PDB file of N, CA and C in Angstrom:
ATOM      1  N   UNK A   1      -2.439  12.918  15.813  1.00  0.00           N
ATOM      2  CA  UNK A   1      -1.091  12.400  15.787  1.00  0.00           C
ATOM      3  C   UNK A   1      -0.143  13.542  15.403  1.00  0.00           C
ATOM      4  N   UNK A   2       0.906  13.746  16.185  1.00  0.00           N
ATOM      5  CA  UNK A   2       1.844  14.836  15.943  1.00  0.00           C
ATOM      6  C   UNK A   2       3.136  14.362  15.296  1.00  0.00           C
ATOM      7  N   UNK A   3       3.045  13.491  14.354  1.00  0.00           N
ATOM      8  CA  UNK A   3       4.259  12.974  13.738  1.00  0.00           C
ATOM      9  C   UNK A   3       4.688  13.851  12.569  1.00  0.00           C
ATOM     10  N   UNK A   4       5.974  13.849  12.313  1.00  0.00           N
ATOM     11  CA  UNK A   4       6.536  14.531  11.159  1.00  0.00           C
ATOM     12  C   UNK A   4       6.762  13.480  10.077  1.00  0.00           C
ATOM     13  N   UNK A   5       6.414  13.816   8.845  1.00  0.00           N
ATOM     14  CA  UNK A   5       6.624  12.871   7.752  1.00  0.00           C
ATOM     15  C   UNK A   5       7.302  13.563   6.587  1.00  0.00           C
ATOM     16  N   UNK A   6       7.964  12.753   5.782  1.00  0.00           N
ATOM     17  CA  UNK A   6       8.575  13.230   4.537  1.00  0.00           C
ATOM     18  C   UNK A   6       7.918  12.462   3.404  1.00  0.00           C
ATOM     19  N   UNK A   7       7.157  13.171   2.570  1.00  0.00           N
ATOM     20  CA  UNK A   7       6.463  12.543   1.446  1.00  0.00           C
ATOM     21  C   UNK A   7       7.475  12.054   0.422  1.00  0.00           C
ATOM     22  N   UNK A   8       7.261  10.828  -0.067  1.00  0.00           N
ATOM     23  CA  UNK A   8       8.144  10.259  -1.089  1.00  0.00           C
ATOM     24  C   UNK A   8       7.349   9.960  -2.358  1.00  0.00           C
ATOM     25  N   UNK A   9       6.295   9.153  -2.259  1.00  0.00           N
ATOM     26  CA  UNK A   9       5.402   8.908  -3.394  1.00  0.00           C
ATOM     27  C   UNK A   9       6.058   8.304  -4.618  1.00  0.00           C
ATOM     28  N   UNK A  10       6.846   7.245  -4.430  1.00  0.00           N
ATOM     29  CA  UNK A  10       7.520   6.610  -5.569  1.00  0.00           C
ATOM     30  C   UNK A  10       7.205   5.118  -5.605  1.00  0.00           C
ATOM     31  N   UNK A  11       7.189   4.546  -6.816  1.00  0.00           N
ATOM     32  CA  UNK A  11       6.966   3.097  -6.917  1.00  0.00           C
ATOM     33  C   UNK A  11       8.158   2.333  -6.340  1.00  0.00           C
ATOM     34  N   UNK A  12       7.863   1.149  -5.813  1.00  0.00           N
ATOM     35  CA  UNK A  12       8.906   0.278  -5.284  1.00  0.00           C
ATOM     36  C   UNK A  12       8.674  -1.143  -5.773  1.00  0.00           C
ATOM     37  N   UNK A  13       9.701  -1.960  -5.646  1.00  0.00           N
ATOM     38  CA  UNK A  13       9.598  -3.393  -5.895  1.00  0.00           C
ATOM     39  C   UNK A  13       9.632  -4.056  -4.536  1.00  0.00           C
ATOM     40  N   UNK A  14       8.739  -5.009  -4.302  1.00  0.00           N
ATOM     41  CA  UNK A  14       8.715  -5.701  -3.015  1.00  0.00           C
ATOM     42  C   UNK A  14       9.121  -7.153  -3.207  1.00  0.00           C
ATOM     43  N   UNK A  15       9.598  -7.743  -2.115  1.00  0.00           N
ATOM     44  CA  UNK A  15      10.010  -9.143  -2.134  1.00  0.00           C
ATOM     45  C   UNK A  15       9.397  -9.857  -0.938  1.00  0.00           C
ATOM     46  N   UNK A  16       8.947 -11.076  -1.181  1.00  0.00           N
ATOM     47  CA  UNK A  16       8.359 -11.919  -0.143  1.00  0.00           C
ATOM     48  C   UNK A  16       9.211 -13.172   0.006  1.00  0.00           C
ATOM     49  N   UNK A  17       9.440 -13.596   1.240  1.00  0.00           N
ATOM     50  CA  UNK A  17      10.094 -14.884   1.451  1.00  0.00           C
ATOM     51  C   UNK A  17       9.166 -16.008   1.010  1.00  0.00           C
ATOM     52  N   UNK A  18       7.879 -15.832   1.262  1.00  0.00           N
ATOM     53  CA  UNK A  18       6.851 -16.785   0.827  1.00  0.00           C
ATOM     54  C   UNK A  18       5.806 -15.979   0.044  1.00  0.00           C
ATOM     55  N   UNK A  19       5.650 -16.231  -1.256  1.00  0.00           N
ATOM     56  CA  UNK A  19       4.707 -15.442  -2.066  1.00  0.00           C
ATOM     57  C   UNK A  19       3.291 -15.480  -1.494  1.00  0.00           C
ATOM     58  N   UNK A  20       2.561 -14.351  -1.579  1.00  0.00           N
ATOM     59  CA  UNK A  20       1.184 -14.320  -1.060  1.00  0.00           C
ATOM     60  C   UNK A  20       0.281 -15.283  -1.818  1.00  0.00           C
ATOM     61  N   UNK A  21      -0.679 -15.854  -1.106  1.00  0.00           N
ATOM     62  CA  UNK A  21      -1.619 -16.773  -1.737  1.00  0.00           C
ATOM     63  C   UNK A  21      -2.542 -16.050  -2.703  1.00  0.00           C
ATOM     64  N   UNK A  22      -2.964 -14.830  -2.328  1.00  0.00           N
ATOM     65  CA  UNK A  22      -3.857 -14.035  -3.170  1.00  0.00           C
ATOM     66  C   UNK A  22      -3.158 -12.707  -3.456  1.00  0.00           C
ATOM     67  N   UNK A  23      -2.865 -12.446  -4.729  1.00  0.00           N
ATOM     68  CA  UNK A  23      -2.072 -11.264  -5.059  1.00  0.00           C
ATOM     69  C   UNK A  23      -2.790  -9.946  -4.792  1.00  0.00           C
ATOM     70  N   UNK A  24      -4.125  -9.936  -4.845  1.00  0.00           N
ATOM     71  CA  UNK A  24      -4.868  -8.690  -4.635  1.00  0.00           C
ATOM     72  C   UNK A  24      -5.061  -8.346  -3.155  1.00  0.00           C
ATOM     73  N   UNK A  25      -4.709  -9.254  -2.258  1.00  0.00           N
ATOM     74  CA  UNK A  25      -4.786  -8.982  -0.815  1.00  0.00           C
ATOM     75  C   UNK A  25      -3.485  -9.432  -0.153  1.00  0.00           C
ATOM     76  N   UNK A  26      -2.373  -8.824  -0.531  1.00  0.00           N
ATOM     77  CA  UNK A  26      -1.091  -9.297  -0.024  1.00  0.00           C
ATOM     78  C   UNK A  26      -0.835  -8.886   1.428  1.00  0.00           C
ATOM     79  N   UNK A  27      -0.036  -9.700   2.112  1.00  0.00           N
ATOM     80  CA  UNK A  27       0.436  -9.292   3.433  1.00  0.00           C
ATOM     81  C   UNK A  27       1.587  -8.308   3.264  1.00  0.00           C
ATOM     82  N   UNK A  28       2.121  -7.858   4.354  1.00  0.00           N
ATOM     83  CA  UNK A  28       3.285  -6.983   4.294  1.00  0.00           C
ATOM     84  C   UNK A  28       4.461  -7.759   3.694  1.00  0.00           C
ATOM     85  N   UNK A  29       5.203  -7.141   2.787  1.00  0.00           N
ATOM     86  CA  UNK A  29       6.361  -7.839   2.217  1.00  0.00           C
ATOM     87  C   UNK A  29       7.499  -7.959   3.239  1.00  0.00           C
ATOM     88  N   UNK A  30       8.497  -8.747   2.898  1.00  0.00           N
ATOM     89  CA  UNK A  30       9.663  -8.916   3.763  1.00  0.00           C
ATOM     90  C   UNK A  30      10.748  -7.875   3.476  1.00  0.00           C
ATOM     91  N   UNK A  31      10.750  -7.358   2.264  1.00  0.00           N
ATOM     92  CA  UNK A  31      11.731  -6.360   1.842  1.00  0.00           C
ATOM     93  C   UNK A  31      11.132  -5.486   0.752  1.00  0.00           C
ATOM     94  N   UNK A  32      11.716  -4.305   0.565  1.00  0.00           N
ATOM     95  CA  UNK A  32      11.386  -3.515  -0.611  1.00  0.00           C
ATOM     96  C   UNK A  32      12.655  -2.879  -1.165  1.00  0.00           C
ATOM     97  N   UNK A  33      12.622  -2.612  -2.462  1.00  0.00           N
ATOM     98  CA  UNK A  33      13.755  -2.004  -3.148  1.00  0.00           C
ATOM     99  C   UNK A  33      13.318  -0.622  -3.601  1.00  0.00           C
ATOM    100  N   UNK A  34      14.084   0.363  -3.165  1.00  0.00           N
ATOM    101  CA  UNK A  34      13.817   1.758  -3.527  1.00  0.00           C
ATOM    102  C   UNK A  34      15.137   2.407  -3.901  1.00  0.00           C
ATOM    103  N   UNK A  35      15.169   3.033  -5.057  1.00  0.00           N
ATOM    104  CA  UNK A  35      16.363   3.700  -5.582  1.00  0.00           C
ATOM    105  C   UNK A  35      17.574   2.778  -5.508  1.00  0.00           C
ATOM    106  N   UNK A  36      17.372   1.542  -5.962  1.00  0.00           N
ATOM    107  CA  UNK A  36      18.415   0.526  -6.069  1.00  0.00           C
ATOM    108  C   UNK A  36      18.993   0.076  -4.727  1.00  0.00           C
ATOM    109  N   UNK A  37      18.318   0.379  -3.622  1.00  0.00           N
ATOM    110  CA  UNK A  37      18.747  -0.088  -2.309  1.00  0.00           C
ATOM    111  C   UNK A  37      17.645  -0.969  -1.725  1.00  0.00           C
ATOM    112  N   UNK A  38      18.047  -2.095  -1.129  1.00  0.00           N
ATOM    113  CA  UNK A  38      17.099  -3.018  -0.520  1.00  0.00           C
ATOM    114  C   UNK A  38      16.965  -2.710   0.963  1.00  0.00           C
ATOM    115  N   UNK A  39      15.713  -2.620   1.407  1.00  0.00           N
ATOM    116  CA  UNK A  39      15.401  -2.335   2.810  1.00  0.00           C
ATOM    117  C   UNK A  39      14.698  -3.558   3.396  1.00  0.00           C
ATOM    118  N   UNK A  40      15.343  -4.214   4.358  1.00  0.00           N
ATOM    119  CA  UNK A  40      14.732  -5.356   5.030  1.00  0.00           C
ATOM    120  C   UNK A  40      13.746  -4.868   6.087  1.00  0.00           C
ATOM    121  N   UNK A  41      12.538  -5.401   6.048  1.00  0.00           N
ATOM    122  CA  UNK A  41      11.510  -5.013   7.016  1.00  0.00           C
ATOM    123  C   UNK A  41      11.659  -5.895   8.251  1.00  0.00           C
ATOM    124  N   UNK A  42      11.877  -5.259   9.409  1.00  0.00           N
ATOM    125  CA  UNK A  42      12.065  -6.010  10.649  1.00  0.00           C
ATOM    126  C   UNK A  42      10.816  -6.006  11.528  1.00  0.00           C
ATOM    127  N   UNK A  43       9.901  -5.058  11.296  1.00  0.00           N
ATOM    128  CA  UNK A  43       8.675  -5.004  12.096  1.00  0.00           C
ATOM    129  C   UNK A  43       7.571  -4.285  11.337  1.00  0.00           C
ATOM    130  N   UNK A  44       6.347  -4.785  11.502  1.00  0.00           N
ATOM    131  CA  UNK A  44       5.166  -4.083  11.007  1.00  0.00           C
ATOM    132  C   UNK A  44       4.622  -3.309  12.206  1.00  0.00           C
ATOM    133  N   UNK A  45       4.667  -1.991  12.121  1.00  0.00           N
ATOM    134  CA  UNK A  45       4.233  -1.135  13.221  1.00  0.00           C
ATOM    135  C   UNK A  45       2.720  -0.991  13.231  1.00  0.00           C
ATOM    136  N   UNK A  46       2.151  -0.897  12.024  1.00  0.00           N
ATOM    137  CA  UNK A  46       0.707  -0.684  11.889  1.00  0.00           C
ATOM    138  C   UNK A  46       0.308  -1.072  10.481  1.00  0.00           C
ATOM    139  N   UNK A  47      -0.949  -1.472  10.319  1.00  0.00           N
ATOM    140  CA  UNK A  47      -1.479  -1.685   8.968  1.00  0.00           C
ATOM    141  C   UNK A  47      -2.939  -1.279   8.926  1.00  0.00           C
ATOM    142  N   UNK A  48      -3.363  -0.804   7.762  1.00  0.00           N
ATOM    143  CA  UNK A  48      -4.743  -0.381   7.576  1.00  0.00           C
ATOM    144  C   UNK A  48      -5.091  -0.471   6.099  1.00  0.00           C
ATOM    145  N   UNK A  49      -6.390  -0.447   5.839  1.00  0.00           N
ATOM    146  CA  UNK A  49      -6.893  -0.541   4.461  1.00  0.00           C
ATOM    147  C   UNK A  49      -7.790   0.645   4.173  1.00  0.00           C
ATOM    148  N   UNK A  50      -7.738   1.094   2.944  1.00  0.00           N
ATOM    149  CA  UNK A  50      -8.580   2.193   2.488  1.00  0.00           C
ATOM    150  C   UNK A  50      -9.256   1.735   1.197  1.00  0.00           C
ATOM    151  N   UNK A  51     -10.563   1.527   1.266  1.00  0.00           N
ATOM    152  CA  UNK A  51     -11.314   1.091   0.091  1.00  0.00           C
ATOM    153  C   UNK A  51     -12.054   2.244  -0.581  1.00  0.00           C
ATOM    154  N   UNK A  52     -11.685   3.470  -0.261  1.00  0.00           N
ATOM    155  CA  UNK A  52     -12.336   4.625  -0.861  1.00  0.00           C
ATOM    156  C   UNK A  52     -12.088   4.697  -2.357  1.00  0.00           C
ATOM    157  N   UNK A  53     -13.095   5.101  -3.074  1.00  0.00           N
ATOM    158  CA  UNK A  53     -12.966   5.290  -4.521  1.00  0.00           C
ATOM    159  C   UNK A  53     -12.518   6.719  -4.782  1.00  0.00           C
ATOM    160  N   UNK A  54     -11.633   6.871  -5.740  1.00  0.00           N
ATOM    161  CA  UNK A  54     -11.071   8.182  -6.046  1.00  0.00           C
ATOM    162  C   UNK A  54     -11.482   8.632  -7.449  1.00  0.00           C
ATOM    163  N   UNK A  55     -11.563   9.932  -7.628  1.00  0.00           N
ATOM    164  CA  UNK A  55     -11.831  10.489  -8.956  1.00  0.00           C
ATOM    165  C   UNK A  55     -13.141  10.018  -9.539  1.00  0.00           C
ATOM    166  N   UNK A  56     -13.114   9.680 -10.836  1.00  0.00           N
ATOM    167  CA  UNK A  56     -14.327   9.246 -11.531  1.00  0.00           C
ATOM    168  C   UNK A  56     -14.912   7.978 -10.940  1.00  0.00           C
ATOM    169  N   UNK A  57     -14.056   7.136 -10.363  1.00  0.00           N
ATOM    170  CA  UNK A  57     -14.542   5.883  -9.773  1.00  0.00           C
ATOM    171  C   UNK A  57     -15.531   6.147  -8.637  1.00  0.00           C
ATOM    172  N   UNK A  58     -15.434   7.309  -7.999  1.00  0.00           N
ATOM    173  CA  UNK A  58     -16.342   7.610  -6.894  1.00  0.00           C
ATOM    174  C   UNK A  58     -17.735   7.990  -7.378  1.00  0.00           C
ATOM    175  N   UNK A  59     -17.888   8.209  -8.666  1.00  0.00           N
ATOM    176  CA  UNK A  59     -19.168   8.654  -9.206  1.00  0.00           C
ATOM    177  C   UNK A  59     -19.982   7.542  -9.859  1.00  0.00           C
ATOM    178  N   UNK A  60     -19.424   6.330  -9.956  1.00  0.00           N
ATOM    179  CA  UNK A  60     -20.107   5.296 -10.736  1.00  0.00           C
ATOM    180  C   UNK A  60     -20.904   4.295  -9.896  1.00  0.00           C
ATOM    181  N   UNK A  61     -21.220   4.633  -8.645  1.00  0.00           N
ATOM    182  CA  UNK A  61     -22.004   3.727  -7.802  1.00  0.00           C
ATOM    183  C   UNK A  61     -23.106   4.488  -7.080  1.00  0.00           C
ATOM    184  N   UNK A  62     -24.184   3.779  -6.809  1.00  0.00           N
ATOM    185  CA  UNK A  62     -25.237   4.360  -5.971  1.00  0.00           C
ATOM    186  C   UNK A  62     -24.711   4.510  -4.548  1.00  0.00           C
ATOM    187  N   UNK A  63     -25.207   5.493  -3.799  1.00  0.00           N
ATOM    188  CA  UNK A  63     -24.690   5.741  -2.438  1.00  0.00           C
ATOM    189  C   UNK A  63     -24.689   4.516  -1.526  1.00  0.00           C
ATOM    190  N   UNK A  64     -25.734   3.690  -1.574  1.00  0.00           N
ATOM    191  CA  UNK A  64     -25.787   2.506  -0.702  1.00  0.00           C
ATOM    192  C   UNK A  64     -24.675   1.518  -1.054  1.00  0.00           C
ATOM    193  N   UNK A  65     -24.455   1.302  -2.350  1.00  0.00           N
ATOM    194  CA  UNK A  65     -23.386   0.393  -2.780  1.00  0.00           C
ATOM    195  C   UNK A  65     -22.018   0.985  -2.500  1.00  0.00           C
ATOM    196  N   UNK A  66     -21.893   2.295  -2.625  1.00  0.00           N
ATOM    197  CA  UNK A  66     -20.633   2.975  -2.344  1.00  0.00           C
ATOM    198  C   UNK A  66     -20.249   2.790  -0.871  1.00  0.00           C
ATOM    199  N   UNK A  67     -21.226   2.867   0.019  1.00  0.00           N
ATOM    200  CA  UNK A  67     -20.970   2.683   1.457  1.00  0.00           C
ATOM    201  C   UNK A  67     -20.505   1.253   1.748  1.00  0.00           C
ATOM    202  N   UNK A  68     -21.121   0.254   1.098  1.00  0.00           N
ATOM    203  CA  UNK A  68     -20.694  -1.140   1.275  1.00  0.00           C
ATOM    204  C   UNK A  68     -19.281  -1.349   0.757  1.00  0.00           C
ATOM    205  N   UNK A  69     -19.004  -0.809  -0.430  1.00  0.00           N
ATOM    206  CA  UNK A  69     -17.686  -0.982  -1.042  1.00  0.00           C
ATOM    207  C   UNK A  69     -16.591  -0.319  -0.210  1.00  0.00           C
ATOM    208  N   UNK A  70     -16.913   0.775   0.456  1.00  0.00           N
ATOM    209  CA  UNK A  70     -15.922   1.467   1.288  1.00  0.00           C
ATOM    210  C   UNK A  70     -15.521   0.620   2.493  1.00  0.00           C
ATOM    211  N   UNK A  71     -16.396  -0.295   2.909  1.00  0.00           N
ATOM    212  CA  UNK A  71     -16.088  -1.155   4.067  1.00  0.00           C
ATOM    213  C   UNK A  71     -15.353  -2.429   3.688  1.00  0.00           C
ATOM    214  N   UNK A  72     -15.698  -3.014   2.540  1.00  0.00           N
ATOM    215  CA  UNK A  72     -15.108  -4.312   2.209  1.00  0.00           C
ATOM    216  C   UNK A  72     -14.371  -4.342   0.879  1.00  0.00           C
ATOM    217  N   UNK A  73     -14.447  -3.266   0.127  1.00  0.00           N
ATOM    218  CA  UNK A  73     -13.719  -3.197  -1.139  1.00  0.00           C
ATOM    219  C   UNK A  73     -14.493  -3.769  -2.303  1.00  0.00           C
ATOM    220  N   UNK A  74     -13.992  -3.515  -3.479  1.00  0.00           N
ATOM    221  CA  UNK A  74     -14.523  -4.098  -4.696  1.00  0.00           C
ATOM    222  C   UNK A  74     -13.334  -4.286  -5.637  1.00  0.00           C
ATOM    223  N   UNK A  75     -13.542  -5.027  -6.704  1.00  0.00           N
ATOM    224  CA  UNK A  75     -12.431  -5.412  -7.572  1.00  0.00           C
ATOM    225  C   UNK A  75     -11.629  -4.193  -8.023  1.00  0.00           C
ATOM    226  N   UNK A  76     -10.323  -4.256  -7.842  1.00  0.00           N
ATOM    227  CA  UNK A  76      -9.421  -3.229  -8.344  1.00  0.00           C
ATOM    228  C   UNK A  76      -9.452  -1.912  -7.600  1.00  0.00           C
ATOM    229  N   UNK A  77     -10.156  -1.844  -6.473  1.00  0.00           N
ATOM    230  CA  UNK A  77     -10.280  -0.592  -5.735  1.00  0.00           C
ATOM    231  C   UNK A  77      -9.717  -0.797  -4.334  1.00  0.00           C
ATOM    232  N   UNK A  78      -8.912   0.126  -3.910  1.00  0.00           N
ATOM    233  CA  UNK A  78      -8.427   0.091  -2.544  1.00  0.00           C
ATOM    234  C   UNK A  78      -6.916   0.059  -2.431  1.00  0.00           C
ATOM    235  N   UNK A  79      -6.463   0.396  -1.248  1.00  0.00           N
ATOM    236  CA  UNK A  79      -5.043   0.379  -0.934  1.00  0.00           C
ATOM    237  C   UNK A  79      -4.836  -0.298   0.409  1.00  0.00           C
ATOM    238  N   UNK A  80      -3.786  -1.102   0.488  1.00  0.00           N
ATOM    239  CA  UNK A  80      -3.392  -1.764   1.727  1.00  0.00           C
ATOM    240  C   UNK A  80      -2.123  -1.074   2.195  1.00  0.00           C
ATOM    241  N   UNK A  81      -2.199  -0.413   3.340  1.00  0.00           N
ATOM    242  CA  UNK A  81      -1.077   0.349   3.887  1.00  0.00           C
ATOM    243  C   UNK A  81      -0.365  -0.441   4.979  1.00  0.00           C
ATOM    244  N   UNK A  82       0.960  -0.279   5.032  1.00  0.00           N
ATOM    245  CA  UNK A  82       1.778  -0.898   6.059  1.00  0.00           C
ATOM    246  C   UNK A  82       2.787   0.133   6.550  1.00  0.00           C
ATOM    247  N   UNK A  83       2.802   0.371   7.848  1.00  0.00           N
ATOM    248  CA  UNK A  83       3.846   1.196   8.460  1.00  0.00           C
ATOM    249  C   UNK A  83       4.887   0.210   8.952  1.00  0.00           C
ATOM    250  N   UNK A  84       6.087   0.313   8.402  1.00  0.00           N
ATOM    251  CA  UNK A  84       7.119  -0.685   8.677  1.00  0.00           C
ATOM    252  C   UNK A  84       8.389  -0.036   9.217  1.00  0.00           C
ATOM    253  N   UNK A  85       9.082  -0.826  10.025  1.00  0.00           N
ATOM    254  CA  UNK A  85      10.415  -0.425  10.482  1.00  0.00           C
ATOM    255  C   UNK A  85      11.413  -1.275   9.718  1.00  0.00           C
ATOM    256  N   UNK A  86      12.444  -0.624   9.177  1.00  0.00           N
ATOM    257  CA  UNK A  86      13.466  -1.349   8.428  1.00  0.00           C
ATOM    258  C   UNK A  86      14.689  -1.557   9.323  1.00  0.00           C
ATOM    259  N   UNK A  87      15.643  -2.321   8.814  1.00  0.00           N
ATOM    260  CA  UNK A  87      16.788  -2.764   9.618  1.00  0.00           C
ATOM    261  C   UNK A  87      17.577  -1.615  10.244  1.00  0.00           C
ATOM    262  N   UNK A  88      17.659  -0.458   9.589  1.00  0.00           N
ATOM    263  CA  UNK A  88      18.431   0.652  10.167  1.00  0.00           C
ATOM    264  C   UNK A  88      17.607   1.507  11.137  1.00  0.00           C
ATOM    265  N   UNK A  89      16.369   1.073  11.431  1.00  0.00           N
ATOM    266  CA  UNK A  89      15.535   1.767  12.404  1.00  0.00           C
ATOM    267  C   UNK A  89      14.569   2.785  11.820  1.00  0.00           C
ATOM    268  N   UNK A  90      14.716   3.116  10.546  1.00  0.00           N
ATOM    269  CA  UNK A  90      13.809   4.085   9.927  1.00  0.00           C
ATOM    270  C   UNK A  90      12.408   3.492   9.798  1.00  0.00           C
ATOM    271  N   UNK A  91      11.414   4.381   9.788  1.00  0.00           N
ATOM    272  CA  UNK A  91      10.003   3.984   9.672  1.00  0.00           C
ATOM    273  C   UNK A  91       9.454   4.537   8.358  1.00  0.00           C
ATOM    274  N   UNK A  92       8.808   3.662   7.584  1.00  0.00           N
ATOM    275  CA  UNK A  92       8.215   4.047   6.306  1.00  0.00           C
ATOM    276  C   UNK A  92       6.771   3.581   6.244  1.00  0.00           C
ATOM    277  N   UNK A  93       5.963   4.306   5.486  1.00  0.00           N
ATOM    278  CA  UNK A  93       4.626   3.853   5.105  1.00  0.00           C
ATOM    279  C   UNK A  93       4.706   3.414   3.654  1.00  0.00           C
ATOM    280  N   UNK A  94       4.354   2.160   3.407  1.00  0.00           N
ATOM    281  CA  UNK A  94       4.284   1.643   2.043  1.00  0.00           C
ATOM    282  C   UNK A  94       2.844   1.203   1.807  1.00  0.00           C
ATOM    283  N   UNK A  95       2.461   1.107   0.528  1.00  0.00           N
ATOM    284  CA  UNK A  95       1.108   0.607   0.257  1.00  0.00           C
ATOM    285  C   UNK A  95       1.044  -0.143  -1.054  1.00  0.00           C
ATOM    286  N   UNK A  96       0.072  -1.042  -1.110  1.00  0.00           N
ATOM    287  CA  UNK A  96      -0.260  -1.772  -2.317  1.00  0.00           C
ATOM    288  C   UNK A  96      -1.531  -1.166  -2.880  1.00  0.00           C
ATOM    289  N   UNK A  97      -1.467  -0.660  -4.094  1.00  0.00           N
ATOM    290  CA  UNK A  97      -2.630  -0.089  -4.780  1.00  0.00           C
ATOM    291  C   UNK A  97      -3.234  -1.180  -5.649  1.00  0.00           C
ATOM    292  N   UNK A  98      -4.460  -1.572  -5.351  1.00  0.00           N
ATOM    293  CA  UNK A  98      -5.114  -2.681  -6.045  1.00  0.00           C
ATOM    294  C   UNK A  98      -5.536  -2.354  -7.476  1.00  0.00           C
ATOM    295  N   UNK A  99      -5.485  -1.099  -7.880  1.00  0.00           N
ATOM    296  CA  UNK A  99      -5.967  -0.713  -9.214  1.00  0.00           C
ATOM    297  C   UNK A  99      -5.073  -1.306 -10.303  1.00  0.00           C
ATOM    298  N   UNK A 100      -5.684  -1.976 -11.290  1.00  0.00           N
ATOM    299  CA  UNK A 100      -4.893  -2.471 -12.415  1.00  0.00           C
ATOM    300  C   UNK A 100      -4.383  -1.300 -13.245  1.00  0.00           C
ATOM    301  N   UNK A 101      -3.274  -1.507 -13.922  1.00  0.00           N
ATOM    302  CA  UNK A 101      -2.669  -0.440 -14.715  1.00  0.00           C
ATOM    303  C   UNK A 101      -2.829  -0.709 -16.210  1.00  0.00           C
ATOM    304  N   UNK A 102      -3.974  -1.245 -16.603  1.00  0.00           N
ATOM    305  CA  UNK A 102      -4.231  -1.516 -18.018  1.00  0.00           C
ATOM    306  C   UNK A 102      -4.208  -3.004 -18.316  1.00  0.00           C
ATOM    307  N   UNK A 103      -4.343  -3.340 -19.594  1.00  0.00           N
ATOM    308  CA  UNK A 103      -4.417  -4.737 -20.027  1.00  0.00           C
ATOM    309  C   UNK A 103      -3.117  -5.506 -19.746  1.00  0.00           C
ATOM    310  N   UNK A 104      -1.985  -4.825 -19.852  1.00  0.00           N
ATOM    311  CA  UNK A 104      -0.705  -5.504 -19.661  1.00  0.00           C
ATOM    312  C   UNK A 104      -0.384  -5.764 -18.199  1.00  0.00           C
ATOM    313  N   UNK A 105      -0.902  -4.939 -17.301  1.00  0.00           N
ATOM    314  CA  UNK A 105      -0.631  -5.108 -15.877  1.00  0.00           C
ATOM    315  C   UNK A 105      -1.946  -5.138 -15.114  1.00  0.00           C
ATOM    316  N   UNK A 106      -2.494  -6.335 -14.967  1.00  0.00           N
ATOM    317  CA  UNK A 106      -3.771  -6.476 -14.280  1.00  0.00           C
ATOM    318  C   UNK A 106      -3.608  -6.474 -12.765  1.00  0.00           C
ATOM    319  N   UNK A 107      -2.397  -6.713 -12.296  1.00  0.00           N
ATOM    320  CA  UNK A 107      -2.114  -6.659 -10.873  1.00  0.00           C
ATOM    321  C   UNK A 107      -1.961  -5.200 -10.460  1.00  0.00           C
ATOM    322  N   UNK A 108      -2.002  -4.968  -9.182  1.00  0.00           N
ATOM    323  CA  UNK A 108      -1.788  -3.623  -8.666  1.00  0.00           C
ATOM    324  C   UNK A 108      -0.304  -3.297  -8.608  1.00  0.00           C
ATOM    325  N   UNK A 109       0.032  -2.279  -7.824  1.00  0.00           N
ATOM    326  CA  UNK A 109       1.428  -1.852  -7.727  1.00  0.00           C
ATOM    327  C   UNK A 109       1.749  -1.403  -6.307  1.00  0.00           C
ATOM    328  N   UNK A 110       3.018  -1.492  -5.975  1.00  0.00           N
ATOM    329  CA  UNK A 110       3.498  -1.107  -4.652  1.00  0.00           C
ATOM    330  C   UNK A 110       4.154   0.266  -4.713  1.00  0.00           C
ATOM    331  N   UNK A 111       3.982   1.027  -3.608  1.00  0.00           N
ATOM    332  CA  UNK A 111       4.511   2.388  -3.546  1.00  0.00           C
ATOM    333  C   UNK A 111       5.089   2.687  -2.169  1.00  0.00           C
ATOM    334  N   UNK A 112       6.126   3.488  -2.163  1.00  0.00           N
ATOM    335  CA  UNK A 112       6.671   4.039  -0.918  1.00  0.00           C
ATOM    336  C   UNK A 112       6.000   5.388  -0.746  1.00  0.00           C
ATOM    337  N   UNK A 113       5.127   5.474   0.237  1.00  0.00           N
ATOM    338  CA  UNK A 113       4.299   6.657   0.444  1.00  0.00           C
ATOM    339  C   UNK A 113       5.072   7.762   1.149  1.00  0.00           C
ATOM    340  N   UNK A 114       5.653   7.438   2.325  1.00  0.00           N
ATOM    341  CA  UNK A 114       6.350   8.471   3.092  1.00  0.00           C
ATOM    342  C   UNK A 114       7.255   7.835   4.135  1.00  0.00           C
ATOM    343  N   UNK A 115       8.151   8.667   4.644  1.00  0.00           N
ATOM    344  CA  UNK A 115       8.981   8.278   5.777  1.00  0.00           C
ATOM    345  C   UNK A 115       8.478   9.015   7.004  1.00  0.00           C
ATOM    346  N   UNK A 116       8.353   8.299   8.112  1.00  0.00           N
ATOM    347  CA  UNK A 116       7.954   8.901   9.381  1.00  0.00           C
ATOM    348  C   UNK A 116       9.240   9.275  10.098  1.00  0.00           C
ATOM    349  N   UNK A 117       9.398  10.570  10.365  1.00  0.00           N
ATOM    350  CA  UNK A 117      10.647  11.076  10.928  1.00  0.00           C
ATOM    351  C   UNK A 117      10.641  11.025  12.451  1.00  0.00           C
ATOM    352  N   UNK A 118      11.795  10.793  13.057  1.00  0.00           N
ATOM    353  CA  UNK A 118      11.857  10.758  14.509  1.00  0.00           C
ATOM    354  C   UNK A 118      11.590  12.148  15.092  1.00  0.00           C
ATOM    355  N   UNK A 119      11.080  12.166  16.295  1.00  0.00           N
ATOM    356  CA  UNK A 119      10.868  13.465  16.934  1.00  0.00           C
ATOM    357  C   UNK A 119       9.574  13.564  17.531  1.00  0.00           C
TER     358      UNK A 119
END
């Protein structure tokens, strides 16, 4: 793929018209808020999942179990990516990181990964 991207890597707040039934496997949101601006999502261009374990988490499983987990996921591991087009025509990659952020935040978090630039 010969696309140009601009890395952003910042947390975002997402909004759903209808809340997801299961918070750990959410669909694409309807909107996201980044730097105090709301971006309405008008189209999902692509979506994919990555259940790869990162860092120390990649060392705590036997190879056979690691291969299974990479295909279907395991608790708190994985990212759900969405390439979305917003109302002004810009294209962004956002993702939901399933990893809990400690005892106070057992849910994952949403991030604006990058902008896909025209050209």
